[in-house]
Amino acid sequence: MIAVGDLRSGMTFEKDGKLIKVLESSHHKPGKGNTVMRLKLRDVRSGSTTDTTMRPEEKVKKAHIDSKSVQYLYLQDDMAVFMDLETYEQYEIASSIIEAELLYLLDNMEVTIQFFGDEVIGVALPTTVVLRVEDTPPSIKGATVSGSGKPATMETGLVVNVPDFIEAGELLEINTQEGSYVKRAK
């Protein structure tokens, strides 16, 4: 059991027979009354998200999640296919469950898939990934990093705000937690 006040983004717990992943958590102290936790939660199996509040001292059952390194192969018929690099066993995950993560995945990329028992429940991405810029407005001569930036569409369809000097075809390092530009890749 774990106290709700100790829940952090990315943690998974069981409640009412459902497997719930914490997307966001924050303490909130209203002017009057007790402190509450504001939580944005996603039902791992159905994919639905909810915003809720809970008392920090409430207890929930922490889910035991196992993980395995795999290689992302391809997307076919709304199923993402992954392969275990040691046993060559393949795993399929519905694209609706990992919709956000697919924006960072390239064919043959190594990632970690998560299991709850024998059930595949999701994908854990590395902190940063390198993606190629497919389309962005032309660069501005004399632009600096501190400019307001411009949108760039990456090869996976992800749209990221980048500095004005970035051009189509460049490789960029992208933060997968925030969906933001980090730097040019070498």
N, C-alpha and C. Protein backbone atom coordinates (compact mmCIF):
# COMPACT_ATOMS: atom_id res chain seq x y z
N MET A 1 0.85 -1.18 0.00
CA MET A 1 0.00 0.00 0.00
C MET A 1 0.90 1.25 0.00
N ILE A 2 0.41 2.26 -0.66
CA ILE A 2 1.15 3.52 -0.73
C ILE A 2 0.18 4.67 -0.49
N ALA A 3 0.65 5.69 0.22
CA ALA A 3 -0.18 6.86 0.49
C ALA A 3 -0.32 7.68 -0.80
N VAL A 4 -1.51 8.23 -1.01
CA VAL A 4 -1.77 9.05 -2.20
C VAL A 4 -0.81 10.23 -2.26
N GLY A 5 -0.41 10.76 -1.11
CA GLY A 5 0.53 11.88 -1.07
C GLY A 5 1.89 11.54 -1.63
N ASP A 6 2.22 10.24 -1.70
CA ASP A 6 3.51 9.80 -2.23
C ASP A 6 3.46 9.44 -3.72
N LEU A 7 2.28 9.54 -4.35
CA LEU A 7 2.16 9.22 -5.78
C LEU A 7 2.83 10.29 -6.62
N ARG A 8 3.55 9.85 -7.63
CA ARG A 8 4.22 10.76 -8.56
C ARG A 8 3.87 10.37 -9.99
N SER A 9 4.12 11.27 -10.89
CA SER A 9 3.87 11.02 -12.31
C SER A 9 4.59 9.76 -12.76
N GLY A 10 3.87 8.89 -13.48
CA GLY A 10 4.46 7.65 -14.00
C GLY A 10 4.19 6.44 -13.13
N MET A 11 3.78 6.64 -11.87
CA MET A 11 3.50 5.51 -10.98
C MET A 11 2.16 4.87 -11.36
N THR A 12 2.02 3.58 -11.04
CA THR A 12 0.81 2.83 -11.36
C THR A 12 0.27 2.18 -10.09
N PHE A 13 -1.06 2.24 -9.91
CA PHE A 13 -1.68 1.61 -8.75
C PHE A 13 -2.99 0.96 -9.14
N GLU A 14 -3.50 0.11 -8.24
CA GLU A 14 -4.77 -0.58 -8.46
C GLU A 14 -5.85 0.05 -7.59
N LYS A 15 -7.03 0.26 -8.16
CA LYS A 15 -8.17 0.78 -7.40
C LYS A 15 -9.45 0.30 -8.06
N ASP A 16 -10.33 -0.29 -7.26
CA ASP A 16 -11.63 -0.79 -7.73
C ASP A 16 -11.48 -1.74 -8.92
N GLY A 17 -10.46 -2.58 -8.91
CA GLY A 17 -10.24 -3.54 -9.99
C GLY A 17 -9.65 -2.96 -11.25
N LYS A 18 -9.31 -1.68 -11.22
CA LYS A 18 -8.73 -1.02 -12.39
C LYS A 18 -7.25 -0.77 -12.15
N LEU A 19 -6.51 -0.74 -13.23
CA LEU A 19 -5.09 -0.42 -13.20
C LEU A 19 -4.97 1.04 -13.64
N ILE A 20 -4.48 1.90 -12.74
CA ILE A 20 -4.47 3.35 -12.96
C ILE A 20 -3.04 3.87 -13.00
N LYS A 21 -2.72 4.69 -14.01
CA LYS A 21 -1.40 5.32 -14.11
C LYS A 21 -1.54 6.81 -13.80
N VAL A 22 -0.63 7.33 -12.99
CA VAL A 22 -0.64 8.75 -12.62
C VAL A 22 0.04 9.54 -13.74
N LEU A 23 -0.69 10.47 -14.35
CA LEU A 23 -0.10 11.33 -15.38
C LEU A 23 0.46 12.60 -14.77
N GLU A 24 -0.28 13.17 -13.80
CA GLU A 24 0.17 14.38 -13.11
C GLU A 24 -0.32 14.30 -11.67
N SER A 25 0.47 14.85 -10.74
CA SER A 25 0.04 14.92 -9.35
C SER A 25 0.56 16.21 -8.74
N SER A 26 -0.27 16.84 -7.90
CA SER A 26 0.17 18.05 -7.21
C SER A 26 -0.61 18.21 -5.91
N HIS A 27 0.08 18.78 -4.92
CA HIS A 27 -0.55 19.09 -3.64
C HIS A 27 -1.34 20.38 -3.81
N HIS A 28 -2.51 20.46 -3.19
CA HIS A 28 -3.31 21.69 -3.26
C HIS A 28 -3.80 22.00 -1.85
N LYS A 29 -3.51 23.19 -1.39
CA LYS A 29 -3.95 23.63 -0.07
C LYS A 29 -4.94 24.76 -0.26
N PRO A 30 -6.24 24.45 -0.14
CA PRO A 30 -7.24 25.51 -0.29
C PRO A 30 -7.16 26.49 0.90
N GLY A 31 -7.77 27.63 0.77
CA GLY A 31 -7.77 28.63 1.83
C GLY A 31 -8.28 28.07 3.13
N LYS A 32 -9.35 27.32 3.07
CA LYS A 32 -9.90 26.65 4.25
C LYS A 32 -9.90 25.16 3.98
N GLY A 33 -9.76 24.39 5.01
CA GLY A 33 -9.85 22.95 4.82
C GLY A 33 -8.50 22.28 4.76
N ASN A 34 -8.55 20.99 4.48
CA ASN A 34 -7.34 20.16 4.47
C ASN A 34 -6.68 20.13 3.10
N THR A 35 -5.42 19.77 3.10
CA THR A 35 -4.67 19.60 1.86
C THR A 35 -5.25 18.42 1.07
N VAL A 36 -5.33 18.58 -0.25
CA VAL A 36 -5.78 17.49 -1.12
C VAL A 36 -4.75 17.29 -2.23
N MET A 37 -4.79 16.13 -2.84
CA MET A 37 -3.94 15.84 -3.99
C MET A 37 -4.79 15.97 -5.24
N ARG A 38 -4.36 16.77 -6.17
CA ARG A 38 -5.01 16.85 -7.48
C ARG A 38 -4.27 15.88 -8.39
N LEU A 39 -5.02 14.96 -8.99
CA LEU A 39 -4.41 13.91 -9.80
C LEU A 39 -5.05 13.86 -11.17
N LYS A 40 -4.21 13.69 -12.18
CA LYS A 40 -4.69 13.38 -13.52
C LYS A 40 -4.32 11.92 -13.73
N LEU A 41 -5.32 11.06 -13.93
CA LEU A 41 -5.12 9.63 -13.98
C LEU A 41 -5.58 9.05 -15.30
N ARG A 42 -4.93 7.94 -15.71
CA ARG A 42 -5.35 7.24 -16.93
C ARG A 42 -5.58 5.77 -16.59
N ASP A 43 -6.75 5.28 -16.98
CA ASP A 43 -7.04 3.85 -16.86
C ASP A 43 -6.20 3.16 -17.92
N VAL A 44 -5.29 2.31 -17.50
CA VAL A 44 -4.33 1.69 -18.41
C VAL A 44 -5.03 0.84 -19.46
N ARG A 45 -6.07 0.12 -19.07
CA ARG A 45 -6.73 -0.79 -20.00
C ARG A 45 -7.66 -0.09 -20.98
N SER A 46 -8.43 0.89 -20.52
CA SER A 46 -9.39 1.55 -21.41
C SER A 46 -8.80 2.79 -22.08
N GLY A 47 -7.77 3.38 -21.46
CA GLY A 47 -7.15 4.57 -22.02
C GLY A 47 -7.83 5.86 -21.62
N SER A 48 -8.94 5.78 -20.87
CA SER A 48 -9.67 7.00 -20.48
C SER A 48 -8.90 7.74 -19.39
N THR A 49 -8.97 9.07 -19.43
CA THR A 49 -8.31 9.89 -18.42
C THR A 49 -9.33 10.62 -17.58
N THR A 50 -8.98 10.85 -16.32
CA THR A 50 -9.86 11.58 -15.42
C THR A 50 -9.02 12.49 -14.53
N ASP A 51 -9.63 13.57 -14.11
CA ASP A 51 -9.03 14.45 -13.11
C ASP A 51 -9.80 14.22 -11.82
N THR A 52 -9.08 14.06 -10.72
CA THR A 52 -9.72 13.79 -9.45
C THR A 52 -8.92 14.39 -8.32
N THR A 53 -9.53 14.45 -7.15
CA THR A 53 -8.82 14.86 -5.94
C THR A 53 -8.97 13.76 -4.91
N MET A 54 -7.91 13.56 -4.12
CA MET A 54 -7.93 12.57 -3.06
C MET A 54 -7.18 13.14 -1.86
N ARG A 55 -7.48 12.62 -0.69
CA ARG A 55 -6.76 13.03 0.51
C ARG A 55 -5.36 12.40 0.49
N PRO A 56 -4.33 13.15 0.86
CA PRO A 56 -2.96 12.62 0.82
C PRO A 56 -2.75 11.39 1.70
N GLU A 57 -3.52 11.24 2.77
CA GLU A 57 -3.32 10.11 3.67
C GLU A 57 -4.06 8.85 3.21
N GLU A 58 -4.90 8.95 2.18
CA GLU A 58 -5.57 7.75 1.65
C GLU A 58 -4.53 6.77 1.15
N LYS A 59 -4.85 5.49 1.20
CA LYS A 59 -3.92 4.44 0.76
C LYS A 59 -4.48 3.77 -0.49
N VAL A 60 -3.58 3.45 -1.43
CA VAL A 60 -3.93 2.69 -2.63
C VAL A 60 -2.92 1.56 -2.78
N LYS A 61 -3.30 0.53 -3.50
CA LYS A 61 -2.42 -0.62 -3.69
C LYS A 61 -1.50 -0.36 -4.88
N LYS A 62 -0.21 -0.28 -4.62
CA LYS A 62 0.76 -0.04 -5.68
C LYS A 62 0.84 -1.29 -6.57
N ALA A 63 0.78 -1.08 -7.87
CA ALA A 63 0.84 -2.19 -8.82
C ALA A 63 2.29 -2.59 -9.06
N HIS A 64 2.54 -3.90 -9.10
CA HIS A 64 3.89 -4.39 -9.40
C HIS A 64 4.04 -4.46 -10.92
N ILE A 65 4.89 -3.59 -11.46
CA ILE A 65 5.09 -3.49 -12.90
C ILE A 65 6.47 -4.04 -13.25
N ASP A 66 6.51 -4.99 -14.18
CA ASP A 66 7.77 -5.53 -14.69
C ASP A 66 8.06 -4.86 -16.03
N SER A 67 9.32 -4.84 -16.42
CA SER A 67 9.67 -4.23 -17.70
C SER A 67 10.68 -5.10 -18.44
N LYS A 68 10.72 -4.90 -19.76
CA LYS A 68 11.61 -5.68 -20.61
C LYS A 68 12.06 -4.81 -21.78
N SER A 69 13.35 -4.89 -22.10
CA SER A 69 13.88 -4.14 -23.25
C SER A 69 13.46 -4.84 -24.54
N VAL A 70 12.93 -4.05 -25.46
CA VAL A 70 12.46 -4.58 -26.74
C VAL A 70 12.82 -3.60 -27.85
N GLN A 71 12.58 -4.04 -29.08
CA GLN A 71 12.80 -3.20 -30.25
C GLN A 71 11.44 -2.94 -30.90
N TYR A 72 11.16 -1.64 -31.20
CA TYR A 72 9.92 -1.30 -31.89
C TYR A 72 10.10 -1.68 -33.36
N LEU A 73 9.16 -2.49 -33.89
CA LEU A 73 9.28 -2.93 -35.27
C LEU A 73 8.45 -2.08 -36.23
N TYR A 74 7.13 -2.07 -36.04
CA TYR A 74 6.27 -1.35 -36.97
C TYR A 74 4.86 -1.21 -36.40
N LEU A 75 4.03 -0.43 -37.10
CA LEU A 75 2.63 -0.23 -36.76
C LEU A 75 1.80 -0.87 -37.86
N GLN A 76 0.89 -1.78 -37.47
CA GLN A 76 0.06 -2.47 -38.46
C GLN A 76 -1.34 -2.67 -37.90
N ASP A 77 -2.35 -2.25 -38.65
CA ASP A 77 -3.75 -2.44 -38.26
C ASP A 77 -4.01 -1.99 -36.83
N ASP A 78 -3.60 -0.79 -36.47
CA ASP A 78 -3.82 -0.21 -35.14
C ASP A 78 -3.13 -0.99 -34.02
N MET A 79 -2.11 -1.76 -34.36
CA MET A 79 -1.32 -2.48 -33.35
C MET A 79 0.16 -2.15 -33.57
N ALA A 80 0.83 -1.77 -32.48
CA ALA A 80 2.27 -1.54 -32.53
C ALA A 80 2.95 -2.86 -32.19
N VAL A 81 3.93 -3.25 -32.98
CA VAL A 81 4.59 -4.54 -32.80
C VAL A 81 6.02 -4.32 -32.28
N PHE A 82 6.35 -5.04 -31.20
CA PHE A 82 7.65 -4.96 -30.57
C PHE A 82 8.26 -6.35 -30.51
N MET A 83 9.60 -6.43 -30.50
CA MET A 83 10.26 -7.73 -30.44
C MET A 83 11.30 -7.76 -29.32
N ASP A 84 11.25 -8.84 -28.52
CA ASP A 84 12.25 -9.08 -27.49
C ASP A 84 13.56 -9.42 -28.20
N LEU A 85 14.63 -8.71 -27.88
CA LEU A 85 15.91 -8.90 -28.57
C LEU A 85 16.63 -10.18 -28.17
N GLU A 86 16.24 -10.80 -27.06
CA GLU A 86 16.88 -12.03 -26.63
C GLU A 86 16.13 -13.27 -27.12
N THR A 87 14.80 -13.27 -26.98
CA THR A 87 14.01 -14.46 -27.34
C THR A 87 13.34 -14.33 -28.70
N TYR A 88 13.34 -13.15 -29.28
CA TYR A 88 12.68 -12.84 -30.56
C TYR A 88 11.16 -12.99 -30.48
N GLU A 89 10.64 -13.04 -29.27
CA GLU A 89 9.19 -13.08 -29.07
C GLU A 89 8.62 -11.71 -29.41
N GLN A 90 7.45 -11.70 -30.07
CA GLN A 90 6.85 -10.43 -30.45
C GLN A 90 5.66 -10.11 -29.56
N TYR A 91 5.50 -8.80 -29.27
CA TYR A 91 4.41 -8.30 -28.45
C TYR A 91 3.65 -7.27 -29.25
N GLU A 92 2.33 -7.30 -29.13
CA GLU A 92 1.49 -6.30 -29.80
C GLU A 92 0.79 -5.46 -28.75
N ILE A 93 0.78 -4.15 -28.97
CA ILE A 93 0.09 -3.22 -28.09
C ILE A 93 -0.83 -2.37 -28.97
N ALA A 94 -2.07 -2.22 -28.54
CA ALA A 94 -3.02 -1.39 -29.29
C ALA A 94 -2.49 0.04 -29.36
N SER A 95 -2.53 0.63 -30.55
CA SER A 95 -1.99 1.97 -30.73
C SER A 95 -2.76 3.00 -29.91
N SER A 96 -4.03 2.72 -29.59
CA SER A 96 -4.81 3.66 -28.79
C SER A 96 -4.26 3.78 -27.36
N ILE A 97 -3.61 2.73 -26.86
CA ILE A 97 -3.05 2.74 -25.51
C ILE A 97 -1.76 3.55 -25.46
N ILE A 98 -0.97 3.51 -26.54
CA ILE A 98 0.33 4.20 -26.55
C ILE A 98 0.37 5.31 -27.60
N GLU A 99 -0.77 5.96 -27.80
CA GLU A 99 -0.89 7.00 -28.83
C GLU A 99 0.17 8.09 -28.68
N ALA A 100 0.36 8.60 -27.47
CA ALA A 100 1.35 9.67 -27.24
C ALA A 100 2.77 9.17 -27.46
N GLU A 101 3.07 7.96 -27.03
CA GLU A 101 4.42 7.41 -27.16
C GLU A 101 4.79 7.16 -28.61
N LEU A 102 3.82 6.84 -29.46
CA LEU A 102 4.10 6.56 -30.88
C LEU A 102 4.70 7.77 -31.59
N LEU A 103 4.46 8.97 -31.08
CA LEU A 103 5.02 10.18 -31.70
C LEU A 103 6.53 10.28 -31.52
N TYR A 104 7.09 9.42 -30.67
CA TYR A 104 8.53 9.44 -30.42
C TYR A 104 9.23 8.18 -30.93
N LEU A 105 8.47 7.22 -31.47
CA LEU A 105 9.05 5.94 -31.87
C LEU A 105 9.40 5.89 -33.34
N LEU A 106 10.61 5.42 -33.62
CA LEU A 106 11.05 5.15 -34.99
C LEU A 106 11.25 3.65 -35.12
N ASP A 107 11.10 3.12 -36.34
CA ASP A 107 11.32 1.70 -36.57
C ASP A 107 12.70 1.31 -36.06
N ASN A 108 12.79 0.14 -35.42
CA ASN A 108 14.02 -0.45 -34.88
C ASN A 108 14.58 0.26 -33.66
N MET A 109 13.82 1.18 -33.06
CA MET A 109 14.26 1.87 -31.85
C MET A 109 14.10 0.94 -30.64
N GLU A 110 15.09 0.94 -29.75
CA GLU A 110 15.01 0.14 -28.53
C GLU A 110 14.31 0.93 -27.44
N VAL A 111 13.28 0.32 -26.84
CA VAL A 111 12.51 0.92 -25.76
C VAL A 111 12.24 -0.15 -24.71
N THR A 112 11.50 0.21 -23.69
CA THR A 112 11.13 -0.73 -22.64
C THR A 112 9.62 -0.86 -22.62
N ILE A 113 9.11 -2.10 -22.64
CA ILE A 113 7.67 -2.28 -22.48
C ILE A 113 7.40 -2.71 -21.05
N GLN A 114 6.21 -2.36 -20.57
CA GLN A 114 5.85 -2.63 -19.19
C GLN A 114 4.77 -3.70 -19.13
N PHE A 115 4.88 -4.57 -18.12
CA PHE A 115 3.94 -5.68 -17.93
C PHE A 115 3.30 -5.58 -16.55
N PHE A 116 2.03 -5.94 -16.48
CA PHE A 116 1.34 -6.17 -15.21
C PHE A 116 0.93 -7.63 -15.26
N GLY A 117 1.69 -8.47 -14.59
CA GLY A 117 1.50 -9.91 -14.73
C GLY A 117 1.95 -10.31 -16.13
N ASP A 118 1.06 -10.94 -16.90
CA ASP A 118 1.37 -11.31 -18.28
C ASP A 118 0.85 -10.28 -19.28
N GLU A 119 0.17 -9.27 -18.79
CA GLU A 119 -0.48 -8.27 -19.64
C GLU A 119 0.48 -7.13 -19.98
N VAL A 120 0.65 -6.83 -21.27
CA VAL A 120 1.47 -5.70 -21.71
C VAL A 120 0.63 -4.44 -21.53
N ILE A 121 1.14 -3.48 -20.76
CA ILE A 121 0.32 -2.30 -20.46
C ILE A 121 0.86 -0.99 -21.01
N GLY A 122 2.09 -0.96 -21.50
CA GLY A 122 2.58 0.31 -22.01
C GLY A 122 4.04 0.28 -22.41
N VAL A 123 4.50 1.46 -22.81
CA VAL A 123 5.88 1.64 -23.27
C VAL A 123 6.53 2.74 -22.45
N ALA A 124 7.74 2.48 -21.97
CA ALA A 124 8.53 3.51 -21.28
C ALA A 124 9.58 4.02 -22.27
N LEU A 125 9.52 5.30 -22.56
CA LEU A 125 10.43 5.91 -23.52
C LEU A 125 11.72 6.36 -22.83
N PRO A 126 12.82 6.46 -23.60
CA PRO A 126 14.02 7.08 -23.04
C PRO A 126 13.72 8.57 -22.78
N THR A 127 14.56 9.23 -22.00
CA THR A 127 14.32 10.64 -21.66
C THR A 127 14.35 11.52 -22.90
N THR A 128 15.27 11.22 -23.83
CA THR A 128 15.34 12.00 -25.07
C THR A 128 15.45 11.05 -26.27
N VAL A 129 14.97 11.52 -27.41
CA VAL A 129 15.10 10.78 -28.66
C VAL A 129 15.60 11.74 -29.73
N VAL A 130 16.21 11.19 -30.78
CA VAL A 130 16.69 12.00 -31.90
C VAL A 130 15.74 11.80 -33.07
N LEU A 131 15.15 12.91 -33.55
CA LEU A 131 14.21 12.87 -34.67
C LEU A 131 14.63 13.89 -35.73
N ARG A 132 14.27 13.59 -36.99
CA ARG A 132 14.59 14.47 -38.11
C ARG A 132 13.42 15.44 -38.35
N VAL A 133 13.75 16.69 -38.65
CA VAL A 133 12.74 17.70 -38.96
C VAL A 133 12.26 17.46 -40.38
N GLU A 134 10.97 17.20 -40.54
CA GLU A 134 10.39 17.00 -41.87
C GLU A 134 9.98 18.32 -42.50
N ASP A 135 9.38 19.20 -41.70
CA ASP A 135 8.86 20.45 -42.25
C ASP A 135 8.90 21.54 -41.18
N THR A 136 9.35 22.71 -41.59
CA THR A 136 9.34 23.89 -40.73
C THR A 136 9.45 25.12 -41.62
N PRO A 137 8.91 26.27 -41.19
CA PRO A 137 9.07 27.49 -42.00
C PRO A 137 10.55 27.81 -42.19
N PRO A 138 10.90 28.55 -43.25
CA PRO A 138 12.31 28.87 -43.51
C PRO A 138 12.96 29.57 -42.32
N SER A 139 14.27 29.34 -42.17
CA SER A 139 14.99 29.96 -41.05
C SER A 139 15.14 31.45 -41.30
N ILE A 140 15.33 32.17 -40.22
CA ILE A 140 15.46 33.62 -40.28
C ILE A 140 16.92 33.97 -40.07
N LYS A 141 17.49 34.75 -41.01
CA LYS A 141 18.91 35.12 -40.92
C LYS A 141 19.15 35.94 -39.66
N GLY A 142 20.18 35.56 -38.90
CA GLY A 142 20.52 36.29 -37.68
C GLY A 142 19.69 35.87 -36.48
N ALA A 143 18.92 34.80 -36.62
CA ALA A 143 18.08 34.35 -35.51
C ALA A 143 18.94 33.81 -34.37
N THR A 144 18.47 33.98 -33.16
CA THR A 144 19.19 33.49 -31.98
C THR A 144 18.34 32.45 -31.26
N VAL A 145 18.96 31.77 -30.32
CA VAL A 145 18.26 30.75 -29.54
C VAL A 145 17.15 31.38 -28.71
N SER A 146 17.34 32.62 -28.28
CA SER A 146 16.39 33.25 -27.38
C SER A 146 15.14 33.78 -28.08
N GLY A 147 15.03 33.61 -29.41
CA GLY A 147 13.84 34.04 -30.12
C GLY A 147 12.62 33.25 -29.70
N SER A 148 11.46 33.66 -30.18
CA SER A 148 10.20 33.01 -29.77
C SER A 148 10.06 31.62 -30.35
N GLY A 149 10.74 31.33 -31.44
CA GLY A 149 10.68 29.99 -32.03
C GLY A 149 9.62 29.85 -33.10
N LYS A 150 9.56 28.65 -33.66
CA LYS A 150 8.61 28.34 -34.72
C LYS A 150 8.27 26.86 -34.62
N PRO A 151 7.13 26.45 -35.16
CA PRO A 151 6.76 25.02 -35.10
C PRO A 151 7.55 24.21 -36.13
N ALA A 152 7.91 22.99 -35.75
CA ALA A 152 8.58 22.07 -36.66
C ALA A 152 7.89 20.72 -36.56
N THR A 153 7.57 20.14 -37.71
CA THR A 153 6.97 18.81 -37.74
C THR A 153 8.09 17.80 -37.91
N MET A 154 8.15 16.86 -36.95
CA MET A 154 9.20 15.85 -36.97
C MET A 154 8.76 14.68 -37.86
N GLU A 155 9.67 13.75 -38.15
CA GLU A 155 9.39 12.62 -39.05
C GLU A 155 8.29 11.70 -38.54
N THR A 156 7.98 11.73 -37.25
CA THR A 156 6.94 10.88 -36.68
C THR A 156 5.58 11.57 -36.64
N GLY A 157 5.55 12.87 -37.00
CA GLY A 157 4.31 13.63 -36.94
C GLY A 157 4.23 14.54 -35.72
N LEU A 158 5.18 14.40 -34.81
CA LEU A 158 5.22 15.25 -33.61
C LEU A 158 5.53 16.68 -34.02
N VAL A 159 4.81 17.65 -33.44
CA VAL A 159 5.08 19.06 -33.70
C VAL A 159 5.72 19.66 -32.46
N VAL A 160 6.91 20.26 -32.65
CA VAL A 160 7.70 20.81 -31.56
C VAL A 160 8.05 22.25 -31.88
N ASN A 161 8.06 23.11 -30.86
CA ASN A 161 8.51 24.48 -31.05
C ASN A 161 10.03 24.49 -31.00
N VAL A 162 10.66 25.02 -32.06
CA VAL A 162 12.12 25.02 -32.17
C VAL A 162 12.62 26.45 -32.40
N PRO A 163 13.92 26.69 -32.17
CA PRO A 163 14.48 28.03 -32.45
C PRO A 163 14.36 28.37 -33.95
N ASP A 164 14.39 29.65 -34.23
CA ASP A 164 14.20 30.14 -35.61
C ASP A 164 15.26 29.67 -36.59
N PHE A 165 16.47 29.30 -36.14
CA PHE A 165 17.56 28.92 -37.06
C PHE A 165 17.49 27.47 -37.51
N ILE A 166 16.59 26.67 -36.98
CA ILE A 166 16.47 25.25 -37.35
C ILE A 166 15.85 25.13 -38.75
N GLU A 167 16.40 24.21 -39.55
CA GLU A 167 15.90 24.00 -40.91
C GLU A 167 15.43 22.56 -41.10
N ALA A 168 14.61 22.34 -42.14
CA ALA A 168 14.13 20.99 -42.46
C ALA A 168 15.32 20.10 -42.76
N GLY A 169 15.26 18.84 -42.33
CA GLY A 169 16.31 17.88 -42.57
C GLY A 169 17.29 17.73 -41.41
N GLU A 170 17.28 18.66 -40.46
CA GLU A 170 18.20 18.58 -39.32
C GLU A 170 17.74 17.53 -38.32
N LEU A 171 18.70 16.94 -37.62
CA LEU A 171 18.40 16.00 -36.54
C LEU A 171 18.39 16.77 -35.22
N LEU A 172 17.30 16.58 -34.44
CA LEU A 172 17.16 17.28 -33.18
C LEU A 172 16.96 16.30 -32.04
N GLU A 173 17.45 16.66 -30.87
CA GLU A 173 17.20 15.88 -29.67
C GLU A 173 15.93 16.44 -29.03
N ILE A 174 14.96 15.55 -28.77
CA ILE A 174 13.66 15.96 -28.25
C ILE A 174 13.44 15.31 -26.88
N ASN A 175 12.99 16.10 -25.90
CA ASN A 175 12.66 15.59 -24.57
C ASN A 175 11.30 14.90 -24.65
N THR A 176 11.24 13.61 -24.30
CA THR A 176 10.00 12.84 -24.42
C THR A 176 9.02 13.12 -23.28
N GLN A 177 9.50 13.65 -22.15
CA GLN A 177 8.62 13.95 -21.02
C GLN A 177 7.79 15.20 -21.29
N GLU A 178 8.41 16.19 -21.91
CA GLU A 178 7.76 17.48 -22.14
C GLU A 178 7.41 17.73 -23.60
N GLY A 179 7.93 16.91 -24.50
CA GLY A 179 7.70 17.13 -25.93
C GLY A 179 8.36 18.40 -26.41
N SER A 180 9.57 18.68 -25.91
CA SER A 180 10.22 19.95 -26.23
C SER A 180 11.59 19.74 -26.86
N TYR A 181 12.04 20.75 -27.59
CA TYR A 181 13.36 20.78 -28.23
C TYR A 181 14.42 20.88 -27.15
N VAL A 182 15.50 20.07 -27.27
CA VAL A 182 16.62 20.14 -26.33
C VAL A 182 17.81 20.80 -27.01
N LYS A 183 18.25 20.20 -28.15
CA LYS A 183 19.39 20.72 -28.89
C LYS A 183 19.49 20.00 -30.23
N ARG A 184 20.41 20.51 -31.07
CA ARG A 184 20.72 19.80 -32.31
C ARG A 184 21.45 18.51 -31.96
N ALA A 185 21.14 17.46 -32.69
CA ALA A 185 21.85 16.18 -32.47
C ALA A 185 23.09 16.16 -33.34
N LYS A 186 24.09 15.42 -32.89
CA LYS A 186 25.34 15.36 -33.64
C LYS A 186 25.35 14.18 -34.55
